[in-house]
N, C-alpha and C. Protein backbone atom coordinates (compact mmCIF):
# COMPACT_ATOMS: atom_id res chain seq x y z
N UNK A 1 151.84 133.59 193.78
CA UNK A 1 150.55 132.99 193.89
C UNK A 1 149.68 132.77 195.30
N UNK A 2 150.56 132.54 196.19
CA UNK A 2 150.26 132.26 197.76
C UNK A 2 150.02 133.86 198.42
N UNK A 3 150.66 134.79 197.96
CA UNK A 3 150.34 135.91 198.50
C UNK A 3 149.16 136.43 198.63
N UNK A 4 148.02 136.01 197.86
CA UNK A 4 146.37 136.47 197.73
C UNK A 4 146.14 135.66 198.71
N UNK A 5 146.32 134.69 199.41
CA UNK A 5 145.53 133.73 200.24
C UNK A 5 145.40 134.69 201.96
N UNK A 6 144.10 134.56 202.45
CA UNK A 6 144.13 135.11 203.47
C UNK A 6 144.63 134.06 204.61
N UNK A 7 145.34 134.36 205.72
CA UNK A 7 145.55 133.81 206.79
C UNK A 7 144.90 134.04 208.06
N UNK A 8 144.82 133.42 208.99
CA UNK A 8 144.25 133.84 210.40
C UNK A 8 144.82 134.15 211.08
N UNK A 9 144.41 134.69 212.39
CA UNK A 9 145.51 135.34 213.28
C UNK A 9 146.66 134.48 213.71
N UNK A 10 146.29 133.30 213.74
CA UNK A 10 147.50 132.20 214.22
C UNK A 10 148.42 132.27 213.25
N UNK A 11 148.32 132.67 212.12
CA UNK A 11 149.49 132.63 211.04
C UNK A 11 149.42 131.14 210.01
N UNK A 12 148.27 130.21 210.23
CA UNK A 12 148.53 128.99 209.59
C UNK A 12 147.23 128.96 208.71
N UNK A 13 147.66 128.84 207.27
CA UNK A 13 146.53 129.18 206.57
C UNK A 13 145.38 127.69 206.11
N UNK A 14 144.29 127.44 205.93
CA UNK A 14 143.55 126.30 205.35
C UNK A 14 144.16 125.69 204.46
N UNK A 15 144.49 124.48 204.55
CA UNK A 15 145.34 123.79 203.51
C UNK A 15 144.32 123.60 202.20
N UNK A 16 142.94 123.38 202.53
CA UNK A 16 142.33 123.09 201.36
C UNK A 16 142.09 124.39 200.85
N UNK A 17 141.50 125.25 201.41
CA UNK A 17 141.17 126.40 200.56
C UNK A 17 142.77 127.03 200.26
N UNK A 18 143.95 126.77 200.58
CA UNK A 18 144.96 127.06 199.88
C UNK A 18 145.48 126.42 198.65
N UNK A 19 145.02 125.18 198.53
CA UNK A 19 145.18 124.13 197.42
C UNK A 19 144.38 124.54 196.24
N UNK A 20 143.36 124.85 196.60
CA UNK A 20 141.85 125.44 195.54
C UNK A 20 142.30 126.56 194.99
N UNK A 21 142.72 127.60 195.74
CA UNK A 21 143.20 128.98 195.62
C UNK A 21 144.45 128.76 194.36
N UNK A 22 145.51 127.51 194.72
CA UNK A 22 146.60 127.49 194.12
C UNK A 22 146.23 126.74 192.62
N UNK A 23 145.62 126.04 192.59
CA UNK A 23 144.97 125.33 191.42
C UNK A 23 144.42 126.33 190.42
N UNK A 24 143.54 127.26 191.12
CA UNK A 24 142.77 128.33 190.25
C UNK A 24 143.37 129.08 189.90
N UNK A 25 144.67 129.90 190.40
CA UNK A 25 145.91 130.64 189.92
C UNK A 25 146.75 129.91 188.71
N UNK A 26 146.83 128.84 188.81
CA UNK A 26 147.46 127.80 188.25
C UNK A 26 146.69 127.76 186.74
N UNK A 27 145.55 127.41 186.80
CA UNK A 27 144.69 127.10 185.48
C UNK A 27 144.74 129.04 185.03
N UNK A 28 144.64 129.84 185.76
CA UNK A 28 144.52 131.13 184.85
C UNK A 28 145.58 131.43 184.33
N UNK A 29 147.02 131.04 184.86
CA UNK A 29 148.17 131.22 184.15
C UNK A 29 148.27 130.55 182.90
N UNK A 30 148.07 129.51 183.11
CA UNK A 30 147.97 128.35 181.76
C UNK A 30 147.12 128.91 180.54
N UNK A 31 145.97 129.44 181.16
CA UNK A 31 145.38 130.21 180.17
C UNK A 31 145.44 131.18 179.60
N UNK A 32 146.27 132.19 180.32
CA UNK A 32 147.23 133.53 179.64
C UNK A 32 148.10 133.29 179.15
N UNK A 33 148.76 131.85 179.26
CA UNK A 33 150.14 131.63 178.21
C UNK A 33 149.86 131.42 177.30
N UNK A 34 148.27 130.25 177.03
CA UNK A 34 148.04 129.74 175.62
C UNK A 34 147.30 130.90 174.72
N UNK A 35 146.66 131.84 175.60
CA UNK A 35 146.19 133.10 174.61
C UNK A 35 147.33 133.75 174.12
N UNK A 36 148.20 133.87 174.69
CA UNK A 36 149.77 134.98 174.47
C UNK A 36 150.19 134.02 173.36
N UNK A 37 150.41 132.71 173.50
CA UNK A 37 151.06 131.96 172.51
C UNK A 37 150.31 132.07 171.45
N UNK A 38 149.00 131.86 171.29
CA UNK A 38 148.25 132.29 169.97
C UNK A 38 148.15 133.36 169.48
N UNK A 39 148.29 134.49 170.19
CA UNK A 39 148.44 135.87 169.66
C UNK A 39 150.01 135.88 168.94
N UNK A 40 150.77 135.41 169.54
CA UNK A 40 152.07 135.35 169.04
C UNK A 40 152.47 134.83 167.71
N UNK A 41 151.61 133.35 167.59
CA UNK A 41 151.72 132.75 166.50
C UNK A 41 151.15 133.37 165.09
N UNK A 42 149.77 134.27 165.51
CA UNK A 42 149.05 134.77 164.42
C UNK A 42 150.20 136.12 163.90
N UNK A 43 150.73 136.95 164.97
CA UNK A 43 151.71 137.98 164.85
C UNK A 43 152.69 137.47 163.42
N UNK A 44 153.30 136.25 163.89
CA UNK A 44 154.64 135.75 163.40
C UNK A 44 153.84 135.70 161.78
N UNK A 45 152.94 134.88 161.96
CA UNK A 45 152.33 134.43 160.42
C UNK A 45 151.92 135.60 159.59
N UNK A 46 151.43 136.64 160.27
CA UNK A 46 151.10 137.81 159.63
C UNK A 46 152.26 138.43 158.82
N UNK A 47 153.38 138.60 159.92
CA UNK A 47 154.65 139.19 159.32
C UNK A 47 155.27 138.56 158.09
N UNK A 48 155.20 137.09 158.39
CA UNK A 48 155.67 136.24 157.39
C UNK A 48 154.99 136.33 156.09
N UNK A 49 153.64 136.09 156.16
CA UNK A 49 152.80 136.52 155.09
C UNK A 49 152.81 137.76 153.97
N UNK A 50 153.49 138.93 155.11
CA UNK A 50 153.41 139.91 154.64
C UNK A 50 155.17 140.20 153.52
N UNK A 51 155.57 139.22 153.93
CA UNK A 51 156.99 139.62 152.99
C UNK A 51 156.86 138.41 151.71
N UNK A 52 155.83 138.18 151.66
CA UNK A 52 155.80 137.03 150.43
C UNK A 52 155.39 137.58 149.29
N UNK A 53 155.50 137.08 148.11
CA UNK A 53 155.42 137.71 147.12
C UNK A 53 153.72 137.60 146.67
N UNK A 54 153.36 138.29 145.58
CA UNK A 54 151.77 138.12 145.06
C UNK A 54 151.56 136.80 144.50
N UNK A 55 152.23 136.30 144.23
CA UNK A 55 152.33 134.64 143.68
C UNK A 55 152.12 133.72 144.94
N UNK A 56 153.05 133.95 145.75
CA UNK A 56 153.12 133.26 147.03
C UNK A 56 151.99 133.62 148.02
N UNK A 57 151.44 134.40 148.03
CA UNK A 57 150.17 135.05 148.82
C UNK A 57 149.07 134.43 147.99
N UNK A 58 149.00 133.99 146.82
CA UNK A 58 147.48 133.69 146.32
C UNK A 58 147.68 132.15 146.44
N UNK A 59 148.85 131.48 146.93
CA UNK A 59 148.88 130.01 147.14
C UNK A 59 148.65 129.71 148.50
N UNK A 60 148.33 130.83 149.32
CA UNK A 60 148.10 130.48 150.89
C UNK A 60 146.57 130.11 150.73
N UNK A 61 146.49 128.87 151.84
CA UNK A 61 145.02 128.46 152.60
C UNK A 61 144.28 129.82 152.89
N UNK A 62 142.79 129.13 152.93
CA UNK A 62 142.33 130.57 153.40
C UNK A 62 142.16 130.52 154.72
N UNK A 63 142.80 129.59 155.51
CA UNK A 63 143.20 129.92 157.21
C UNK A 63 143.61 130.94 157.28
N UNK A 64 144.98 130.89 156.33
CA UNK A 64 146.00 131.71 156.47
C UNK A 64 145.75 133.32 156.14
N UNK A 65 144.84 133.29 155.15
CA UNK A 65 144.53 134.46 154.44
C UNK A 65 143.50 135.35 155.65
N UNK A 66 142.38 134.69 156.00
CA UNK A 66 141.71 135.00 157.13
C UNK A 66 142.71 135.47 158.41
N UNK A 67 143.82 135.13 158.69
CA UNK A 67 144.13 135.28 159.90
C UNK A 67 145.16 136.65 159.59
N UNK A 68 145.56 136.77 158.28
CA UNK A 68 146.39 138.03 157.54
C UNK A 68 145.45 138.97 157.57
N UNK A 69 144.39 138.83 157.27
CA UNK A 69 143.22 139.85 157.27
C UNK A 69 142.38 140.61 158.60
N UNK A 70 143.00 139.74 159.38
CA UNK A 70 142.64 140.12 161.09
C UNK A 70 141.52 139.36 161.83
N UNK A 71 140.92 138.41 161.09
CA UNK A 71 139.68 137.67 161.35
C UNK A 71 139.96 137.07 162.91
N UNK A 72 139.35 136.99 163.77
CA UNK A 72 139.21 136.29 165.01
C UNK A 72 139.55 134.78 164.56
N UNK A 73 140.49 134.14 165.11
CA UNK A 73 140.92 132.97 165.15
C UNK A 73 139.78 132.17 166.30
N UNK A 74 139.25 131.07 165.90
CA UNK A 74 138.57 130.40 167.06
C UNK A 74 139.35 129.64 168.05
N UNK A 75 138.97 130.16 169.35
CA UNK A 75 139.73 129.59 170.22
C UNK A 75 138.62 128.84 171.50
N UNK A 76 139.42 128.09 172.03
CA UNK A 76 138.63 127.06 173.19
C UNK A 76 138.55 127.84 174.33
N UNK A 77 138.33 129.05 174.39
CA UNK A 77 138.20 129.67 175.73
C UNK A 77 137.05 129.50 176.17
N UNK A 78 135.72 129.85 175.46
CA UNK A 78 134.16 129.36 175.89
C UNK A 78 134.14 127.95 176.11
N UNK A 79 135.08 126.85 175.34
CA UNK A 79 134.60 125.41 175.93
C UNK A 79 135.24 125.34 177.24
N UNK A 80 136.50 125.88 177.38
CA UNK A 80 137.06 125.79 178.85
C UNK A 80 136.39 126.29 179.90
N UNK A 81 135.91 127.14 179.70
CA UNK A 81 134.66 127.92 180.98
C UNK A 81 133.47 126.70 180.90
N UNK A 82 133.30 125.96 179.82
CA UNK A 82 131.71 125.35 179.96
C UNK A 82 131.80 124.25 180.79
N UNK A 83 131.05 124.13 181.57
CA UNK A 83 130.69 123.19 182.76
C UNK A 83 130.95 121.50 182.13
N UNK A 84 131.95 121.02 182.78
CA UNK A 84 131.99 119.70 182.20
C UNK A 84 130.93 118.58 182.33
N UNK A 85 130.74 118.80 183.73
CA UNK A 85 129.70 117.92 184.74
C UNK A 85 128.46 118.47 184.88
N UNK A 86 127.10 118.05 184.81
CA UNK A 86 126.27 118.49 185.42
C UNK A 86 125.80 118.32 186.75
N UNK A 87 124.94 119.03 187.48
CA UNK A 87 124.79 118.57 188.69
C UNK A 87 123.48 117.69 188.80
N UNK A 88 123.61 116.38 189.48
CA UNK A 88 123.04 115.25 189.46
C UNK A 88 123.64 114.28 188.47
N UNK A 89 124.43 114.32 187.34
CA UNK A 89 125.26 113.24 186.60
C UNK A 89 125.88 112.34 187.44
N UNK A 90 126.06 111.07 187.03
CA UNK A 90 126.47 110.29 187.14
C UNK A 90 128.01 110.12 186.80
N UNK A 91 129.13 109.66 187.59
CA UNK A 91 130.44 109.64 187.12
C UNK A 91 131.11 108.69 187.79
N UNK A 92 132.36 108.07 186.91
CA UNK A 92 133.22 107.34 187.47
C UNK A 92 134.31 107.93 188.38
N UNK A 93 134.87 107.53 189.23
CA UNK A 93 136.14 107.87 189.86
C UNK A 93 137.34 107.15 189.78
N UNK A 94 138.29 107.83 189.84
CA UNK A 94 139.49 106.64 189.41
C UNK A 94 140.35 107.13 190.59
N UNK A 95 140.82 106.09 191.15
CA UNK A 95 141.50 106.04 192.70
C UNK A 95 142.84 105.23 192.21
N UNK A 96 143.74 105.64 192.77
CA UNK A 96 144.94 104.79 192.37
C UNK A 96 145.09 104.10 193.44
N UNK A 97 144.97 104.10 194.98
CA UNK A 97 144.98 102.74 195.90
C UNK A 97 144.10 103.07 196.71
N UNK A 98 143.08 102.06 197.08
CA UNK A 98 142.29 102.17 197.82
C UNK A 98 141.98 100.88 198.81
N UNK A 99 142.54 99.69 198.78
CA UNK A 99 142.42 98.98 199.71
C UNK A 99 144.23 98.66 199.99
N UNK A 100 144.65 98.48 201.06
CA UNK A 100 146.10 98.54 201.15
C UNK A 100 146.23 96.85 201.22
N UNK A 101 147.66 96.46 200.52
CA UNK A 101 147.68 94.94 200.46
C UNK A 101 147.74 94.52 199.06
N UNK A 102 146.75 95.08 198.44
CA UNK A 102 146.49 94.43 196.88
C UNK A 102 147.27 95.12 195.87
N UNK A 103 147.80 94.39 195.09
CA UNK A 103 148.60 94.84 193.90
C UNK A 103 147.77 95.61 192.94
N UNK A 104 148.68 96.81 192.13
CA UNK A 104 147.44 97.12 191.29
C UNK A 104 146.54 96.66 190.14
N UNK A 105 147.63 95.47 190.08
CA UNK A 105 146.84 94.75 188.70
C UNK A 105 145.20 93.75 189.49
N UNK A 106 145.17 93.95 190.53
CA UNK A 106 144.09 93.31 191.43
C UNK A 106 143.10 94.23 192.03
N UNK A 107 143.20 95.57 191.85
CA UNK A 107 142.47 96.77 192.35
C UNK A 107 141.70 97.25 191.20
N UNK A 108 140.63 97.48 191.47
CA UNK A 108 139.88 98.19 190.92
C UNK A 108 139.91 99.79 190.46
N UNK A 109 140.03 100.37 189.37
CA UNK A 109 140.64 101.85 189.39
C UNK A 109 139.42 102.38 189.18
N UNK A 110 138.50 102.28 188.45
CA UNK A 110 137.17 103.08 188.56
C UNK A 110 136.36 102.45 189.61
N UNK A 111 135.67 103.84 190.69
CA UNK A 111 134.70 103.18 191.45
C UNK A 111 133.52 104.37 191.14
N UNK A 112 132.11 103.76 191.71
CA UNK A 112 131.19 104.26 191.72
C UNK A 112 130.06 103.73 191.18
N UNK A 113 129.14 104.20 190.34
CA UNK A 113 129.09 105.41 189.97
C UNK A 113 128.35 106.47 191.17
N UNK A 114 128.94 108.18 191.15
CA UNK A 114 128.80 108.55 191.96
C UNK A 114 128.05 110.05 191.39
N UNK A 115 127.15 110.69 192.04
CA UNK A 115 126.43 111.69 191.66
C UNK A 115 127.54 112.75 191.53
N UNK A 116 127.09 113.72 191.02
CA UNK A 116 127.68 115.21 191.08
C UNK A 116 126.79 115.99 191.78
N UNK A 117 127.33 116.30 193.06
CA UNK A 117 126.59 117.41 193.81
C UNK A 117 126.92 118.59 193.64
N UNK A 118 127.80 119.46 193.42
CA UNK A 118 127.95 120.68 192.70
C UNK A 118 129.30 121.11 192.32
N UNK A 119 129.43 121.85 191.35
CA UNK A 119 130.77 122.62 190.98
C UNK A 119 131.32 123.65 192.00
N UNK A 120 132.91 122.99 192.60
CA UNK A 120 133.32 123.71 193.64
C UNK A 120 134.26 124.90 192.67
N UNK A 121 135.00 124.42 191.99
CA UNK A 121 135.84 125.45 191.08
C UNK A 121 135.82 124.92 189.45
N UNK A 122 136.31 125.84 188.97
CA UNK A 122 136.50 125.44 187.36
C UNK A 122 136.48 124.34 187.12
N UNK A 123 137.71 123.31 188.01
CA UNK A 123 138.16 122.13 187.48
C UNK A 123 138.15 121.08 188.91
N UNK A 124 137.01 121.67 189.55
CA UNK A 124 136.76 120.70 190.86
C UNK A 124 135.44 120.28 191.05
N UNK A 125 134.88 119.21 191.29
CA UNK A 125 133.28 119.04 191.81
C UNK A 125 133.43 118.56 192.95
N UNK A 126 132.34 118.59 193.72
CA UNK A 126 132.16 117.86 194.74
C UNK A 126 131.01 116.61 194.52
N UNK A 127 131.16 115.36 195.00
CA UNK A 127 130.58 114.18 195.06
C UNK A 127 129.60 114.11 196.03
N UNK A 128 128.26 113.32 195.86
CA UNK A 128 127.56 112.59 197.08
C UNK A 128 127.92 111.58 197.33
N UNK A 129 128.49 111.36 198.20
CA UNK A 129 128.63 109.86 199.04
C UNK A 129 127.81 109.28 200.21
N UNK A 130 127.18 108.32 199.65
CA UNK A 130 126.00 107.75 200.48
C UNK A 130 126.31 107.31 201.70
N UNK A 131 125.76 107.41 202.92
CA UNK A 131 126.25 106.50 204.09
C UNK A 131 126.73 105.26 204.03
N UNK A 132 126.08 104.71 203.33
CA UNK A 132 126.17 103.01 203.27
C UNK A 132 127.03 102.55 201.87
N UNK A 133 127.82 103.35 201.07
CA UNK A 133 128.52 103.21 200.30
C UNK A 133 129.61 102.39 200.77
N UNK A 134 130.25 102.84 201.89
CA UNK A 134 131.69 102.38 202.62
C UNK A 134 132.62 103.37 201.80
N UNK A 135 132.82 104.13 201.21
CA UNK A 135 133.84 105.15 200.88
C UNK A 135 134.28 106.00 201.87
N UNK A 136 135.04 106.30 202.16
CA UNK A 136 135.73 107.29 203.38
C UNK A 136 136.69 108.35 202.23
N UNK A 137 136.61 109.52 201.92
CA UNK A 137 137.29 110.09 201.16
C UNK A 137 136.89 111.62 200.99
N UNK A 138 137.70 112.67 200.77
CA UNK A 138 137.16 113.54 200.48
C UNK A 138 136.14 114.01 199.10
N UNK A 139 135.10 114.60 199.26
CA UNK A 139 134.45 114.50 198.33
C UNK A 139 134.78 115.28 196.88
N UNK A 140 135.58 116.47 197.19
CA UNK A 140 135.76 117.45 196.09
C UNK A 140 137.13 116.70 195.34
N UNK A 141 136.73 116.44 194.07
CA UNK A 141 137.69 115.75 193.32
C UNK A 141 137.84 116.68 191.95
N UNK A 142 139.28 116.60 191.61
CA UNK A 142 139.45 117.41 190.22
C UNK A 142 138.89 116.45 188.94
N UNK A 143 138.78 117.00 187.92
CA UNK A 143 138.19 116.77 187.12
C UNK A 143 138.78 115.52 185.82
N UNK A 144 139.97 115.55 186.02
CA UNK A 144 141.10 114.53 185.68
C UNK A 144 140.89 113.23 186.23
N UNK A 145 140.06 112.96 187.33
CA UNK A 145 139.87 111.78 188.53
C UNK A 145 138.34 111.40 187.89
N UNK A 146 137.79 112.24 187.11
CA UNK A 146 136.16 111.65 186.78
C UNK A 146 136.01 111.39 185.30
N UNK A 147 134.82 110.39 184.96
CA UNK A 147 134.49 110.27 184.04
C UNK A 147 133.39 109.90 183.62
N UNK A 148 132.56 110.69 182.60
CA UNK A 148 130.84 110.73 183.01
C UNK A 148 130.53 109.30 182.41
N UNK A 149 129.40 108.52 183.24
CA UNK A 149 129.07 107.47 182.83
C UNK A 149 127.95 107.63 181.64
N UNK A 150 128.10 106.62 180.51
CA UNK A 150 127.78 106.44 179.59
C UNK A 150 125.90 105.83 179.51
N UNK A 151 125.53 106.89 179.08
CA UNK A 151 123.52 106.50 179.80
C UNK A 151 123.37 105.94 177.98
N UNK A 152 122.94 104.50 178.23
CA UNK A 152 122.84 103.86 177.06
C UNK A 152 121.36 103.91 176.68
N UNK A 153 120.57 104.61 177.74
CA UNK A 153 119.19 104.49 177.54
C UNK A 153 118.26 103.35 177.87
N UNK A 154 116.93 103.67 177.68
CA UNK A 154 115.83 102.54 178.29
C UNK A 154 115.70 101.55 177.56
N UNK A 155 115.83 100.28 177.77
CA UNK A 155 115.26 98.88 177.08
C UNK A 155 114.05 99.28 176.60
N UNK A 156 113.57 98.61 175.27
CA UNK A 156 112.64 98.73 175.10
C UNK A 156 111.14 97.83 175.83
N UNK A 157 110.34 98.17 175.98
CA UNK A 157 109.52 97.64 176.76
C UNK A 157 108.28 96.76 176.32
N UNK A 158 108.08 97.39 174.81
CA UNK A 158 106.98 97.04 174.04
C UNK A 158 106.97 95.62 173.38
N UNK A 159 106.50 94.83 173.52
CA UNK A 159 106.98 93.40 172.82
C UNK A 159 106.53 93.21 170.94
N UNK A 160 107.38 92.78 170.75
CA UNK A 160 107.57 92.75 169.31
C UNK A 160 106.17 92.21 168.54
N UNK A 161 105.32 91.02 169.43
CA UNK A 161 104.49 90.42 168.99
C UNK A 161 103.52 90.15 169.84
N UNK A 162 102.26 89.86 169.64
CA UNK A 162 101.08 89.77 170.69
C UNK A 162 101.37 88.45 171.48
N UNK A 163 100.48 88.34 172.60
CA UNK A 163 100.66 87.53 173.32
C UNK A 163 100.48 85.91 172.70
N UNK A 164 101.25 84.70 172.50
CA UNK A 164 100.54 83.82 171.71
C UNK A 164 99.99 82.61 172.62
N UNK A 165 99.33 81.90 172.11
CA UNK A 165 98.78 80.70 172.74
C UNK A 165 99.47 79.40 172.72
N UNK A 166 98.95 78.71 173.25
CA UNK A 166 99.64 77.29 173.33
C UNK A 166 99.81 76.74 171.72
N UNK A 167 98.73 76.77 171.40
CA UNK A 167 98.59 76.23 169.85
C UNK A 167 99.46 76.69 168.77
N UNK A 168 99.91 78.16 169.32
CA UNK A 168 100.64 78.84 168.19
C UNK A 168 102.23 78.96 168.29
N UNK A 169 102.35 78.70 169.77
CA UNK A 169 103.96 78.22 169.69
C UNK A 169 104.58 77.30 169.17
N UNK A 170 105.73 77.72 168.66
CA UNK A 170 106.49 76.58 167.81
C UNK A 170 107.98 76.43 168.17
N UNK A 171 108.46 75.12 168.72
CA UNK A 171 109.73 75.20 169.06
C UNK A 171 110.34 74.17 168.04
N UNK A 172 111.60 74.82 167.53
CA UNK A 172 112.18 74.54 166.52
C UNK A 172 113.09 73.36 167.25
N UNK A 173 113.84 73.43 168.07
CA UNK A 173 114.65 72.19 168.77
C UNK A 173 113.62 71.06 169.19
N UNK A 174 112.49 71.23 169.25
CA UNK A 174 111.36 69.97 169.46
C UNK A 174 110.92 69.44 168.41
N UNK A 175 111.07 70.20 167.30
CA UNK A 175 110.56 69.47 165.88
C UNK A 175 111.79 68.73 165.50
N UNK A 176 112.73 69.07 165.51
CA UNK A 176 114.18 68.24 165.12
C UNK A 176 114.28 66.95 165.99
N UNK A 177 113.68 66.74 167.40
CA UNK A 177 113.87 65.73 167.96
C UNK A 177 113.23 64.18 167.53
N UNK A 178 113.87 62.99 167.55
CA UNK A 178 112.96 62.27 167.00
C UNK A 178 111.61 61.88 167.73
N UNK A 179 110.78 60.96 167.73
CA UNK A 179 109.68 60.51 168.29
C UNK A 179 109.67 59.72 169.85
N UNK A 180 109.40 60.08 170.45
CA UNK A 180 109.35 59.18 171.69
C UNK A 180 110.93 59.39 172.32
N UNK A 181 111.67 60.38 172.15
CA UNK A 181 113.07 60.43 172.42
C UNK A 181 112.99 60.60 173.82
N UNK A 182 112.12 61.24 174.59
CA UNK A 182 112.23 61.51 176.40
C UNK A 182 111.73 60.16 176.77
N UNK A 183 111.26 59.07 176.27
CA UNK A 183 110.82 58.00 176.87
C UNK A 183 112.19 56.96 177.18
N UNK A 184 112.07 56.46 178.61
CA UNK A 184 113.28 55.46 179.06
C UNK A 184 113.65 54.36 177.69
N UNK A 185 114.78 53.71 177.47
CA UNK A 185 115.03 52.81 176.72
C UNK A 185 115.25 51.56 177.30
N UNK A 186 115.29 50.74 176.65
CA UNK A 186 114.88 48.94 177.33
C UNK A 186 116.28 48.73 178.26
N UNK A 187 117.42 49.36 177.97
CA UNK A 187 118.60 49.09 178.68
C UNK A 187 118.95 50.20 179.71
N UNK A 188 117.66 50.95 180.28
CA UNK A 188 117.91 52.19 180.97
C UNK A 188 118.49 51.88 182.53
N UNK A 189 118.14 50.47 182.91
CA UNK A 189 118.22 50.13 183.84
C UNK A 189 119.15 48.56 184.03
N UNK A 190 120.01 48.79 182.76
CA UNK A 190 121.21 47.72 182.64
C UNK A 190 122.61 47.86 184.04
N UNK A 191 122.66 48.62 184.24
CA UNK A 191 123.61 48.68 185.21
C UNK A 191 123.11 49.75 186.66
N UNK A 192 122.44 48.79 187.14
CA UNK A 192 121.68 48.79 188.86
C UNK A 192 122.67 48.16 189.94
N UNK A 193 122.90 48.98 190.32
CA UNK A 193 123.69 48.58 191.77
C UNK A 193 122.80 47.86 192.52
N UNK A 194 123.21 46.53 193.02
CA UNK A 194 122.70 45.82 193.92
C UNK A 194 123.31 45.96 195.06
N UNK A 195 124.85 45.76 195.61
CA UNK A 195 125.36 45.79 196.49
C UNK A 195 126.99 46.34 196.53
N UNK A 196 127.36 47.08 197.50
CA UNK A 196 128.61 47.53 197.63
C UNK A 196 129.35 46.36 198.37
N UNK A 197 130.31 45.82 197.72
CA UNK A 197 130.98 44.66 198.73
C UNK A 197 132.17 45.40 199.46
N UNK A 198 132.69 46.50 198.97
CA UNK A 198 134.10 46.80 199.61
C UNK A 198 134.13 48.26 198.68
N UNK A 199 135.68 48.44 199.80
CA UNK A 199 136.33 50.04 199.33
C UNK A 199 137.40 50.08 199.51
N UNK A 200 138.22 50.78 198.55
CA UNK A 200 139.74 51.13 198.91
C UNK A 200 140.31 52.32 198.06
N UNK A 201 141.73 52.72 198.94
CA UNK A 201 142.05 53.99 198.34
C UNK A 201 143.18 53.65 197.07
N UNK A 202 143.26 54.40 196.08
CA UNK A 202 144.19 54.30 194.92
C UNK A 202 145.47 55.00 195.33
N UNK A 203 146.59 54.15 194.86
CA UNK A 203 147.93 54.91 195.02
C UNK A 203 147.73 56.51 194.16
N UNK A 204 148.22 57.53 195.11
CA UNK A 204 148.60 58.50 194.35
C UNK A 204 149.65 58.71 193.52
N UNK A 205 149.84 59.70 192.27
CA UNK A 205 151.09 59.45 191.55
C UNK A 205 151.42 60.97 191.38
N UNK A 206 152.04 61.22 190.64
CA UNK A 206 152.84 62.56 190.25
C UNK A 206 151.79 63.47 189.39
N UNK A 207 150.75 62.49 188.59
CA UNK A 207 149.67 63.44 187.63
C UNK A 207 148.46 63.42 188.05
N UNK A 208 148.03 62.13 189.36
CA UNK A 208 146.73 62.28 190.06
C UNK A 208 147.01 62.08 191.14
N UNK A 209 145.46 62.18 191.91
CA UNK A 209 145.70 62.53 193.44
C UNK A 209 144.70 60.95 193.91
N UNK A 210 145.03 60.67 195.10
CA UNK A 210 144.66 59.09 195.46
C UNK A 210 143.16 59.48 195.52
N UNK A 211 142.25 58.14 195.02
CA UNK A 211 140.73 58.36 194.76
C UNK A 211 140.40 57.18 195.36
N UNK A 212 139.13 57.27 196.01
CA UNK A 212 138.24 55.95 196.35
C UNK A 212 137.82 55.08 195.66
N UNK A 213 137.91 53.97 195.81
CA UNK A 213 137.22 53.02 194.71
C UNK A 213 136.44 52.11 195.43
N UNK A 214 135.47 51.83 194.59
CA UNK A 214 134.26 50.68 195.20
C UNK A 214 134.19 49.68 194.77
N UNK A 215 133.94 48.61 195.02
CA UNK A 215 133.78 47.22 194.62
C UNK A 215 132.16 46.81 194.46
N UNK A 216 131.69 46.94 193.34
CA UNK A 216 130.20 47.10 193.23
C UNK A 216 129.63 45.70 192.53
N UNK A 217 128.56 45.11 193.16
CA UNK A 217 127.66 44.08 192.76
C UNK A 217 126.69 44.38 192.19
N UNK A 218 126.62 44.30 190.63
CA UNK A 218 125.80 44.81 189.75
C UNK A 218 124.33 43.58 189.64
N UNK A 219 122.88 44.12 189.46
CA UNK A 219 121.97 43.33 189.14
C UNK A 219 121.96 42.58 187.73
N UNK A 220 122.15 41.22 187.84
CA UNK A 220 122.02 40.63 186.53
C UNK A 220 123.41 40.07 186.08
N UNK A 221 124.50 40.66 187.17
CA UNK A 221 125.87 40.12 186.76
C UNK A 221 126.29 39.07 188.09
N UNK A 222 127.10 38.14 187.46
CA UNK A 222 127.64 37.55 188.84
C UNK A 222 129.08 38.42 189.31
N UNK A 223 130.03 38.47 188.63
CA UNK A 223 131.28 39.10 188.82
C UNK A 223 130.98 40.27 189.07
N UNK A 224 131.64 40.97 190.46
CA UNK A 224 131.37 42.43 191.05
C UNK A 224 132.89 43.21 190.22
N UNK A 225 132.89 44.22 190.23
CA UNK A 225 133.85 45.13 189.46
C UNK A 225 134.03 46.28 190.30
N UNK A 226 135.23 46.92 189.99
CA UNK A 226 135.59 48.17 190.84
C UNK A 226 135.10 49.44 190.13
């Protein structure tokens, strides 16, 4: 696989170009192996069905009969060559480690969203990295680390009803309140502070911390309380 990569006069290949070419050749090999397996399975099925009796052949499903007759089986080769992401679409980026020192449970795995700048290879895309984003990494990413952002669409902006006047408004909570419930009661100033006579710290226990207490003289009461 690596023999087709051109090297410079110094004898060292470009690492990024070598990696892209190796990934590209690997995907081609996997696709060829998949097509070979499909053809071999179809050949075995045809040989097996040819040895069956007429009664057993009539019991075969339609898919097996079509394969025996030589019809082309559907393959996902066209789907594999279809572009997964379009230029300008927003995607989430999966990164295993971003900030050193944080545990995996505390780090964000999906970052972004980023916009797709262009398609570099069959399974690699280049992302747009804004200068103020704070991210510093190689923008060409494999598709296994990308996830398309789900577009939920625009929220409706047309109001359901026309503008209401103050006379037409109806507040259910206000109707349930008793009359004059917002007015102050007769005992609203029952515990009015007249003076603070002293303060002290309470003892701390195993279940509670120490608190600061105040000795208060209330209006209309003779005895102060803490």
